[in-house]
Amino acid sequence: MLAAIGAMCVCKPQYSNPDELYGTLSAGDYLIGNFDPATQPLFLNVNTVNIKTMGRTIYLRREAAEALNRMIADFKKEHPDVDLWVVSGTRNFASQKGIWEGKWNGTRAVNGQQLNRTIPDGRQRALKILEYSSMPGTSRHHWGTDFDINILQNDYYKRGPGLEIYAWLQSNAHKYGFCQPYTAGREAGYNEERWHWSYVPLSSIFLRDWNDTVKARYPLNLSFDGVGSASDLASVYVNSVDESCK
């Protein structure tokens, strides 16, 4: 059970067997994103619970989607004129590979740069990508518990509507089971991401299981460009999250 915060307590769901956590998938396949969320009954298209996605089809674990729906509804009661929407949810291995390889090969710019040209050294290029993007098989977005909101820039959340959203989430997100994994001030891992939130009752279990199932064997037999450049750092990036997310 998670500790009570304020007047509310968010309790971890009790799962009596692995099927409730992983459905028809093995823990290993689930945790590295080796599946299609559209075909998994444990996942929900968030549009079906009236979560705004700006026309995108986005899946989350059913429990996370339902909690997020409640949270957004309560936010809107206090801030009826401020829009809060989801821009990214579950990303499987193939999706994360596409993001990683696009940045690795220069087809996806990073701060206006084609990294294959500006950072020829593989280790340094991987570290640059790892400022904000995970290696395939290590992303929390594989788990269906994590999502990004509105704008993927920290400055957006320092003023105007973005600040209203972030301040409210800092005060209230825990009441619905959510945390911000990548806060400022951590000693390692990804940079701060004010837009990224996680459903703790499940993601804390998946974090534990990733360490038990994947950590010692990563990168397994996974194939993606640059796989050997920083795979030894996988555990550091997976585990360097805010304490509220553990």
Protein backbone atom coordinates (compact mmCIF):
# COMPACT_ATOMS: atom_id res chain seq x y z
CA MET A 1 0.00 0.00 0.00
CA LEU A 2 1.28 3.46 -0.81
CA ALA A 3 1.59 5.88 2.05
CA ALA A 4 -1.29 8.26 2.64
CA ILE A 5 -0.68 11.74 1.30
CA GLY A 6 -2.80 14.50 2.71
CA ALA A 7 -6.33 13.28 3.29
CA MET A 8 -6.22 10.60 0.65
CA CYS A 9 -4.57 7.23 0.18
CA VAL A 10 -3.80 5.66 -3.16
CA CYS A 11 -3.68 1.89 -2.77
CA LYS A 12 -2.00 -0.54 -5.10
CA PRO A 13 -4.40 -2.94 -6.81
CA GLN A 14 -4.05 -6.49 -5.56
CA TYR A 15 -3.31 -8.98 -8.34
CA SER A 16 -3.77 -12.62 -7.49
CA ASN A 17 -2.04 -13.97 -10.60
CA PRO A 18 0.24 -12.78 -13.42
CA ASP A 19 -2.61 -12.81 -15.94
CA GLU A 20 -4.07 -9.77 -14.23
CA LEU A 21 -0.79 -7.92 -14.69
CA TYR A 22 0.36 -9.23 -18.05
CA GLY A 23 -2.66 -10.86 -19.66
CA THR A 24 -1.61 -13.31 -22.37
CA LEU A 25 1.92 -11.89 -22.55
CA SER A 26 5.01 -13.05 -20.74
CA ALA A 27 6.38 -10.54 -18.26
CA GLY A 28 9.51 -10.21 -20.40
CA ASP A 29 7.62 -9.37 -23.60
CA TYR A 30 5.35 -6.94 -21.80
CA LEU A 31 8.12 -5.06 -20.04
CA ILE A 32 10.17 -4.48 -23.22
CA GLY A 33 7.09 -3.50 -25.25
CA ASN A 34 6.99 -6.57 -27.48
CA PHE A 35 3.26 -6.35 -28.24
CA ASP A 36 0.56 -4.26 -29.89
CA PRO A 37 -1.58 -2.49 -27.27
CA ALA A 38 -4.50 -2.31 -29.70
CA THR A 39 -4.84 -6.10 -29.47
CA GLN A 40 -4.51 -6.38 -25.68
CA PRO A 41 -7.68 -6.38 -23.53
CA LEU A 42 -5.76 -4.83 -20.62
CA PHE A 43 -5.35 -1.64 -22.66
CA LEU A 44 -7.90 1.03 -23.46
CA ASN A 45 -8.15 3.58 -26.25
CA VAL A 46 -8.30 6.73 -24.13
CA ASN A 47 -10.72 8.38 -26.54
CA THR A 48 -13.36 5.95 -25.27
CA VAL A 49 -13.25 7.62 -21.85
CA ASN A 50 -13.33 11.13 -23.30
CA ILE A 51 -9.67 11.99 -22.81
CA LYS A 52 -8.66 14.57 -25.38
CA THR A 53 -5.83 13.48 -27.71
CA MET A 54 -6.02 16.03 -30.53
CA GLY A 55 -7.06 13.33 -32.99
CA ARG A 56 -4.40 10.78 -32.08
CA THR A 57 -5.16 7.17 -31.17
CA ILE A 58 -3.54 6.59 -27.80
CA TYR A 59 -3.70 3.53 -25.56
CA LEU A 60 -3.09 3.20 -21.83
CA ARG A 61 -3.65 0.49 -19.29
CA ARG A 62 -7.33 0.51 -18.41
CA GLU A 63 -6.65 1.37 -14.75
CA ALA A 64 -4.41 4.29 -15.72
CA ALA A 65 -6.87 5.62 -18.29
CA GLU A 66 -9.78 5.54 -15.87
CA ALA A 67 -7.77 7.29 -13.14
CA LEU A 68 -6.56 9.88 -15.65
CA ASN A 69 -10.12 10.51 -16.78
CA ARG A 70 -11.14 11.24 -13.18
CA MET A 71 -8.15 13.50 -12.66
CA ILE A 72 -8.77 15.54 -15.79
CA ALA A 73 -12.47 15.91 -14.91
CA ASP A 74 -11.57 17.31 -11.49
CA PHE A 75 -8.93 19.60 -12.96
CA LYS A 76 -11.50 21.01 -15.39
CA LYS A 77 -13.89 21.76 -12.53
CA GLU A 78 -11.29 24.13 -11.12
CA HIS A 79 -9.86 25.33 -14.43
CA PRO A 80 -12.70 25.17 -16.99
CA ASP A 81 -10.89 27.41 -19.46
CA VAL A 82 -7.59 25.47 -19.50
CA ASP A 83 -7.20 22.55 -21.90
CA LEU A 84 -5.37 19.42 -20.75
CA TRP A 85 -4.80 16.72 -23.33
CA VAL A 86 -2.61 13.66 -23.90
CA VAL A 87 -0.06 13.59 -26.72
CA SER A 88 1.56 10.20 -26.09
CA GLY A 89 0.73 7.05 -24.14
CA THR A 90 1.75 3.45 -24.73
CA ARG A 91 4.66 3.04 -27.12
CA ASN A 92 5.70 -0.49 -27.95
CA PHE A 93 9.21 -1.62 -28.86
CA ALA A 94 8.75 -0.85 -32.55
CA SER A 95 7.53 2.69 -31.84
CA GLN A 96 10.40 3.41 -29.47
CA LYS A 97 12.86 1.94 -31.94
CA GLY A 98 11.55 4.33 -34.57
CA ILE A 99 12.12 7.33 -32.29
CA TRP A 100 15.58 6.16 -31.22
CA GLU A 101 16.83 5.26 -34.69
CA GLY A 102 15.42 8.45 -36.19
CA LYS A 103 17.54 10.46 -33.76
CA TRP A 104 20.52 8.11 -34.11
CA ASN A 105 20.53 8.24 -37.92
CA GLY A 106 19.71 11.92 -38.29
CA THR A 107 16.27 11.59 -39.86
CA ARG A 108 14.77 13.07 -36.68
CA ALA A 109 16.45 16.30 -35.60
CA VAL A 110 17.51 16.86 -31.99
CA ASN A 111 17.64 20.57 -31.15
CA GLY A 112 17.90 21.26 -34.85
CA GLN A 113 20.86 18.91 -35.28
CA GLN A 114 21.36 15.72 -37.24
CA LEU A 115 23.25 13.79 -34.60
CA ASN A 116 24.85 11.35 -37.02
CA ARG A 117 26.72 14.36 -38.42
CA THR A 118 27.29 16.50 -35.34
CA ILE A 119 28.14 13.66 -32.90
CA PRO A 120 29.99 10.87 -34.76
CA ASP A 121 31.09 9.15 -31.55
CA GLY A 122 28.52 6.49 -30.72
CA ARG A 123 28.71 6.77 -26.94
CA GLN A 124 28.32 10.54 -26.93
CA ARG A 125 25.51 10.37 -29.49
CA ALA A 126 23.64 7.85 -27.35
CA LEU A 127 24.06 10.05 -24.27
CA LYS A 128 22.64 13.02 -26.18
CA ILE A 129 19.57 11.02 -27.23
CA LEU A 130 19.21 9.73 -23.67
CA GLU A 131 18.65 13.24 -22.40
CA TYR A 132 14.98 12.78 -23.32
CA SER A 133 14.50 9.49 -25.21
CA SER A 134 14.79 5.89 -24.01
CA MET A 135 16.56 2.99 -25.65
CA PRO A 136 14.01 0.49 -26.99
CA GLY A 137 13.14 -2.03 -24.30
CA THR A 138 13.75 0.44 -21.46
CA SER A 139 10.94 2.97 -21.84
CA ARG A 140 8.24 3.37 -19.20
CA HIS A 141 5.92 4.08 -22.11
CA HIS A 142 6.08 0.36 -22.93
CA TRP A 143 4.09 -0.36 -19.79
CA GLY A 144 0.90 1.52 -20.57
CA THR A 145 1.19 3.46 -17.33
CA ASP A 146 2.96 6.58 -18.56
CA PHE A 147 1.76 9.43 -20.71
CA ASP A 148 2.81 12.87 -21.93
CA ILE A 149 0.54 15.90 -21.83
CA ASN A 150 0.09 19.05 -23.90
CA ILE A 151 3.55 20.37 -24.83
CA LEU A 152 6.90 18.56 -24.59
CA GLN A 153 8.84 21.59 -23.36
CA ASN A 154 9.57 22.44 -19.74
CA ASP A 155 9.26 26.18 -20.37
CA TYR A 156 5.59 25.76 -21.29
CA TYR A 157 4.89 24.75 -17.67
CA LYS A 158 6.52 27.85 -16.17
CA ARG A 159 3.89 30.38 -17.20
CA GLY A 160 0.30 30.76 -18.40
CA PRO A 161 -1.90 27.68 -18.83
CA GLY A 162 1.07 25.35 -18.57
CA LEU A 163 1.92 26.69 -15.13
CA GLU A 164 -1.70 26.31 -14.02
CA ILE A 165 -1.65 22.67 -15.13
CA TYR A 166 1.72 21.86 -13.58
CA ALA A 167 0.99 23.55 -10.25
CA TRP A 168 -2.32 21.69 -9.98
CA LEU A 169 -0.70 18.37 -10.84
CA GLN A 170 2.06 18.90 -8.30
CA SER A 171 -0.59 19.40 -5.62
CA ASN A 172 -3.16 16.85 -6.74
CA ALA A 173 -1.84 14.16 -9.10
CA HIS A 174 -0.89 11.84 -6.22
CA LYS A 175 -4.54 11.67 -5.18
CA TYR A 176 -5.29 9.77 -8.38
CA GLY A 177 -2.19 7.59 -8.28
CA PHE A 178 0.10 9.65 -10.53
CA CYS A 179 3.67 10.84 -10.13
CA GLN A 180 6.20 12.76 -12.22
CA PRO A 181 9.09 10.34 -12.88
CA TYR A 182 11.62 12.82 -14.22
CA THR A 183 11.79 15.70 -11.78
CA ALA A 184 14.53 18.29 -11.43
CA GLY A 185 17.40 17.61 -9.07
CA ARG A 186 17.89 13.87 -9.63
CA GLU A 187 21.52 12.80 -9.85
CA ALA A 188 21.24 10.62 -12.96
CA GLY A 189 18.96 9.58 -15.79
CA TYR A 190 16.84 11.61 -18.16
CA ASN A 191 16.43 15.36 -17.95
CA GLU A 192 13.44 16.90 -16.21
CA GLU A 193 10.15 16.29 -18.03
CA ARG A 194 7.24 18.25 -16.57
CA TRP A 195 4.92 16.78 -19.17
CA HIS A 196 5.52 13.11 -18.28
CA TRP A 197 3.31 11.42 -15.65
CA SER A 198 3.01 7.84 -14.47
CA TYR A 199 0.35 5.68 -12.80
CA VAL A 200 2.23 4.49 -9.71
CA PRO A 201 0.00 1.59 -8.57
CA LEU A 202 1.08 -0.30 -11.70
CA SER A 203 4.32 1.34 -12.82
CA SER A 204 5.98 0.68 -9.47
CA ILE A 205 5.26 -3.03 -9.94
CA PHE A 206 6.55 -2.97 -13.51
CA LEU A 207 9.70 -1.15 -12.40
CA ARG A 208 10.37 -3.91 -9.87
CA ASP A 209 9.65 -6.61 -12.43
CA TRP A 210 11.85 -4.95 -15.07
CA ASN A 211 14.71 -5.11 -12.60
CA ASP A 212 13.95 -8.75 -11.82
CA THR A 213 13.30 -9.89 -15.39
CA VAL A 214 15.16 -7.66 -17.85
CA LYS A 215 17.95 -5.77 -16.08
CA ALA A 216 20.61 -8.47 -15.95
CA ARG A 217 20.02 -9.57 -19.56
CA TYR A 218 19.54 -6.24 -21.35
CA PRO A 219 19.90 -5.74 -24.29
CA LEU A 220 18.80 -9.36 -24.59
CA ASN A 221 18.75 -10.18 -28.30
CA LEU A 222 17.19 -6.84 -29.21
CA SER A 223 18.25 -5.19 -32.42
CA PHE A 224 18.36 -1.45 -33.01
CA ASP A 225 20.94 0.98 -34.35
CA GLY A 226 23.46 1.94 -31.67
CA VAL A 227 22.41 -0.92 -29.41
CA GLY A 228 25.89 -1.36 -27.98
CA SER A 229 26.69 2.29 -27.38
CA ALA A 230 24.98 2.73 -24.02
CA SER A 231 23.21 -0.52 -23.17
CA ASP A 232 25.31 -0.77 -20.01
CA LEU A 233 23.48 2.33 -18.76
CA ALA A 234 19.99 0.90 -19.21
CA SER A 235 19.47 0.21 -15.52
CA VAL A 236 20.63 3.69 -14.53
CA TYR A 237 18.08 5.35 -16.77
CA VAL A 238 15.24 3.00 -15.89
CA ASN A 239 15.77 3.40 -12.16
CA SER A 240 16.65 7.10 -11.91
CA VAL A 241 13.15 8.30 -11.18
CA ASP A 242 11.64 10.45 -8.48
CA GLU A 243 11.13 8.62 -5.18
CA SER A 244 7.36 9.14 -5.46
CA CYS A 245 7.37 6.79 -8.46
CA LYS A 246 8.99 3.83 -6.71
